Amino acid sequence: MEQTKVYVAVEADFLPDGRILPKSVTWEDGKKYAIDRIQDIRKAASLKAGGAGIRYTVRIGRATTCLYLEENRWFVERRGS
C-alpha cells in the first residue's frame, strides 16, 4: 500500500516566539477538523510519503496523526485503501 501526500489547508496560531501551532485542518473534501491536542513537534521526514519539515503529532478526536509543515505547505499522509 503506497502512501501519498495530501496537501491540506491549516488554520494556525503564529506566536511571538516564532512557534506555529496548528488549530484545525481542512481535508480535500472541504470538511474541517479541529485539532484537540498537539502531542509533539519536531523536525522529521515523512518516511511513508516522502518530504521533510516540521512534524506535528496531533490528536483529532480519537485519532492520532502526523501533520507536516514542509517549507510553506502543510500535508498529511494518505492511508492506503
N, C-alpha and C. Protein backbone atom coordinates (compact mmCIF):
# COMPACT_ATOMS: atom_id res chain seq x y z
N MET A 1 0.83 -1.18 0.00
CA MET A 1 0.00 0.00 0.00
C MET A 1 0.88 1.25 0.00
N GLU A 2 0.82 1.99 -1.07
CA GLU A 2 1.60 3.20 -1.18
C GLU A 2 0.87 4.34 -0.48
N GLN A 3 1.62 5.14 0.24
CA GLN A 3 1.03 6.30 0.90
C GLN A 3 1.53 7.54 0.19
N THR A 4 0.65 8.48 0.01
CA THR A 4 1.00 9.70 -0.68
C THR A 4 0.66 10.92 0.17
N LYS A 5 1.22 12.02 -0.22
CA LYS A 5 0.95 13.28 0.47
C LYS A 5 -0.42 13.81 0.07
N VAL A 6 -1.12 14.33 1.04
CA VAL A 6 -2.35 15.07 0.77
C VAL A 6 -2.12 16.47 1.33
N TYR A 7 -2.05 17.46 0.46
CA TYR A 7 -1.87 18.83 0.91
C TYR A 7 -3.20 19.34 1.44
N VAL A 8 -3.16 19.97 2.60
CA VAL A 8 -4.37 20.41 3.29
C VAL A 8 -4.24 21.87 3.69
N ALA A 9 -5.40 22.50 3.91
CA ALA A 9 -5.43 23.85 4.46
C ALA A 9 -5.39 23.72 5.98
N VAL A 10 -4.64 24.60 6.62
CA VAL A 10 -4.48 24.57 8.07
C VAL A 10 -4.67 25.98 8.62
N GLU A 11 -5.46 26.08 9.69
CA GLU A 11 -5.53 27.33 10.45
C GLU A 11 -4.56 27.17 11.60
N ALA A 12 -3.74 28.20 11.83
CA ALA A 12 -2.70 28.09 12.86
C ALA A 12 -2.52 29.41 13.58
N ASP A 13 -2.01 29.32 14.79
CA ASP A 13 -1.60 30.49 15.56
C ASP A 13 -0.11 30.68 15.36
N PHE A 14 0.28 31.93 15.12
CA PHE A 14 1.69 32.28 14.97
C PHE A 14 2.07 33.07 16.22
N LEU A 15 2.88 32.48 17.07
CA LEU A 15 3.20 33.06 18.36
C LEU A 15 4.38 34.02 18.26
N PRO A 16 4.48 34.98 19.18
CA PRO A 16 5.57 35.95 19.14
C PRO A 16 6.96 35.32 19.21
N ASP A 17 7.07 34.14 19.83
CA ASP A 17 8.37 33.48 19.94
C ASP A 17 8.75 32.71 18.67
N GLY A 18 7.89 32.75 17.64
CA GLY A 18 8.20 32.11 16.36
C GLY A 18 7.55 30.75 16.16
N ARG A 19 6.95 30.19 17.21
CA ARG A 19 6.29 28.89 17.06
C ARG A 19 5.01 29.03 16.25
N ILE A 20 4.70 27.98 15.51
CA ILE A 20 3.47 27.88 14.74
C ILE A 20 2.69 26.72 15.31
N LEU A 21 1.45 26.98 15.75
CA LEU A 21 0.64 25.94 16.37
C LEU A 21 -0.64 25.75 15.56
N PRO A 22 -0.76 24.61 14.86
CA PRO A 22 -1.96 24.37 14.06
C PRO A 22 -3.19 24.20 14.95
N LYS A 23 -4.33 24.76 14.52
CA LYS A 23 -5.58 24.69 15.27
C LYS A 23 -6.62 23.80 14.59
N SER A 24 -6.62 23.77 13.25
CA SER A 24 -7.57 22.92 12.53
C SER A 24 -7.01 22.58 11.16
N VAL A 25 -7.54 21.49 10.60
CA VAL A 25 -7.15 21.01 9.28
C VAL A 25 -8.41 20.91 8.43
N THR A 26 -8.35 21.41 7.20
CA THR A 26 -9.45 21.25 6.25
C THR A 26 -9.03 20.23 5.21
N TRP A 27 -9.73 19.09 5.17
CA TRP A 27 -9.43 17.99 4.27
C TRP A 27 -9.79 18.36 2.85
N GLU A 28 -9.37 17.58 1.89
CA GLU A 28 -9.57 17.90 0.47
C GLU A 28 -11.05 17.94 0.07
N ASP A 29 -11.94 17.30 0.85
CA ASP A 29 -13.37 17.36 0.54
C ASP A 29 -14.05 18.58 1.18
N GLY A 30 -13.25 19.42 1.86
CA GLY A 30 -13.78 20.64 2.48
C GLY A 30 -14.18 20.48 3.94
N LYS A 31 -14.14 19.26 4.46
CA LYS A 31 -14.50 19.04 5.86
C LYS A 31 -13.38 19.51 6.77
N LYS A 32 -13.77 20.26 7.80
CA LYS A 32 -12.81 20.86 8.72
C LYS A 32 -12.77 20.06 10.02
N TYR A 33 -11.56 19.79 10.50
CA TYR A 33 -11.35 19.02 11.72
C TYR A 33 -10.54 19.86 12.70
N ALA A 34 -11.07 20.03 13.90
CA ALA A 34 -10.35 20.76 14.94
C ALA A 34 -9.26 19.86 15.52
N ILE A 35 -8.11 20.45 15.77
CA ILE A 35 -7.02 19.73 16.43
C ILE A 35 -7.24 19.88 17.92
N ASP A 36 -7.44 18.76 18.59
CA ASP A 36 -7.73 18.77 20.02
C ASP A 36 -6.47 18.95 20.86
N ARG A 37 -5.36 18.41 20.36
CA ARG A 37 -4.13 18.45 21.15
C ARG A 37 -2.93 18.27 20.24
N ILE A 38 -1.87 19.01 20.52
CA ILE A 38 -0.59 18.80 19.85
C ILE A 38 0.26 17.99 20.82
N GLN A 39 0.63 16.79 20.42
CA GLN A 39 1.37 15.90 21.31
C GLN A 39 2.88 16.04 21.17
N ASP A 40 3.35 16.44 19.98
CA ASP A 40 4.79 16.53 19.76
C ASP A 40 5.05 17.42 18.55
N ILE A 41 6.16 18.14 18.60
CA ILE A 41 6.61 18.96 17.47
C ILE A 41 8.11 18.71 17.32
N ARG A 42 8.52 18.31 16.11
CA ARG A 42 9.96 18.09 15.86
C ARG A 42 10.26 18.12 14.37
N LYS A 43 11.51 18.38 14.03
CA LYS A 43 11.95 18.27 12.65
C LYS A 43 12.01 16.80 12.32
N ALA A 44 11.40 16.41 11.20
CA ALA A 44 11.38 15.00 10.83
C ALA A 44 11.02 14.85 9.36
N ALA A 45 11.33 13.67 8.85
CA ALA A 45 10.96 13.32 7.47
C ALA A 45 9.74 12.42 7.49
N SER A 46 8.94 12.52 6.44
CA SER A 46 7.85 11.58 6.25
C SER A 46 8.43 10.41 5.49
N LEU A 47 8.65 9.32 6.17
CA LEU A 47 9.25 8.16 5.54
C LEU A 47 8.26 7.45 4.62
N LYS A 48 6.98 7.61 4.86
CA LYS A 48 5.95 6.93 4.07
C LYS A 48 5.63 7.68 2.79
N ALA A 49 5.51 9.01 2.87
CA ALA A 49 5.09 9.79 1.71
C ALA A 49 6.21 10.61 1.09
N GLY A 50 7.35 10.67 1.76
CA GLY A 50 8.45 11.48 1.26
C GLY A 50 8.30 12.92 1.71
N GLY A 51 9.39 13.62 1.76
CA GLY A 51 9.37 15.01 2.19
C GLY A 51 9.85 15.14 3.62
N ALA A 52 10.21 16.36 3.98
CA ALA A 52 10.71 16.62 5.33
C ALA A 52 10.31 18.02 5.73
N GLY A 53 10.32 18.25 7.01
CA GLY A 53 9.98 19.56 7.55
C GLY A 53 9.72 19.43 9.03
N ILE A 54 8.73 20.13 9.51
CA ILE A 54 8.35 20.05 10.91
C ILE A 54 7.15 19.11 11.01
N ARG A 55 7.30 18.09 11.85
CA ARG A 55 6.22 17.12 12.04
C ARG A 55 5.49 17.44 13.34
N TYR A 56 4.19 17.62 13.21
CA TYR A 56 3.31 17.83 14.36
C TYR A 56 2.53 16.54 14.56
N THR A 57 2.70 15.91 15.70
CA THR A 57 1.86 14.76 16.05
C THR A 57 0.65 15.34 16.76
N VAL A 58 -0.53 15.16 16.16
CA VAL A 58 -1.73 15.82 16.67
C VAL A 58 -2.83 14.81 16.95
N ARG A 59 -3.73 15.22 17.81
CA ARG A 59 -4.90 14.43 18.17
C ARG A 59 -6.12 15.14 17.59
N ILE A 60 -6.88 14.40 16.76
CA ILE A 60 -8.13 14.90 16.18
C ILE A 60 -9.19 13.88 16.58
N GLY A 61 -10.03 14.26 17.52
CA GLY A 61 -10.99 13.29 18.05
C GLY A 61 -10.24 12.17 18.73
N ARG A 62 -10.52 10.94 18.34
CA ARG A 62 -9.84 9.77 18.92
C ARG A 62 -8.60 9.36 18.14
N ALA A 63 -8.37 9.99 17.01
CA ALA A 63 -7.26 9.60 16.14
C ALA A 63 -6.01 10.45 16.39
N THR A 64 -4.87 9.80 16.35
CA THR A 64 -3.58 10.49 16.37
C THR A 64 -3.00 10.41 14.98
N THR A 65 -2.54 11.54 14.46
CA THR A 65 -1.98 11.57 13.12
C THR A 65 -0.82 12.55 13.09
N CYS A 66 -0.05 12.48 12.01
CA CYS A 66 1.08 13.41 11.83
C CYS A 66 0.73 14.41 10.74
N LEU A 67 0.96 15.65 11.05
CA LEU A 67 0.74 16.77 10.14
C LEU A 67 2.11 17.39 9.91
N TYR A 68 2.47 17.60 8.66
CA TYR A 68 3.80 18.10 8.31
C TYR A 68 3.72 19.50 7.72
N LEU A 69 4.64 20.35 8.14
CA LEU A 69 4.83 21.66 7.52
C LEU A 69 6.13 21.57 6.74
N GLU A 70 5.99 21.52 5.41
CA GLU A 70 7.13 21.35 4.50
C GLU A 70 7.32 22.66 3.75
N GLU A 71 8.35 23.39 4.10
CA GLU A 71 8.57 24.75 3.59
C GLU A 71 7.35 25.58 3.93
N ASN A 72 6.49 25.89 2.97
CA ASN A 72 5.31 26.71 3.28
C ASN A 72 3.99 25.99 2.99
N ARG A 73 4.03 24.66 2.95
CA ARG A 73 2.81 23.86 2.66
C ARG A 73 2.62 22.80 3.73
N TRP A 74 1.37 22.54 4.07
CA TRP A 74 1.01 21.50 5.04
C TRP A 74 0.56 20.25 4.32
N PHE A 75 0.94 19.08 4.83
CA PHE A 75 0.42 17.84 4.28
C PHE A 75 0.27 16.79 5.35
N VAL A 76 -0.58 15.80 5.05
CA VAL A 76 -0.72 14.60 5.86
C VAL A 76 -0.46 13.42 4.93
N GLU A 77 -0.21 12.25 5.52
CA GLU A 77 -0.01 11.05 4.73
C GLU A 77 -1.35 10.39 4.49
N ARG A 78 -1.65 10.14 3.23
CA ARG A 78 -2.90 9.44 2.89
C ARG A 78 -2.69 7.96 3.19
N ARG A 79 -3.61 7.40 3.93
CA ARG A 79 -3.54 5.97 4.23
C ARG A 79 -4.00 5.18 3.02
N GLY A 80 -3.35 4.05 2.77
CA GLY A 80 -3.73 3.20 1.64
C GLY A 80 -5.09 2.60 1.86
N SER A 81 -5.79 2.31 0.77
CA SER A 81 -7.14 1.74 0.89
C SER A 81 -7.12 0.25 0.68
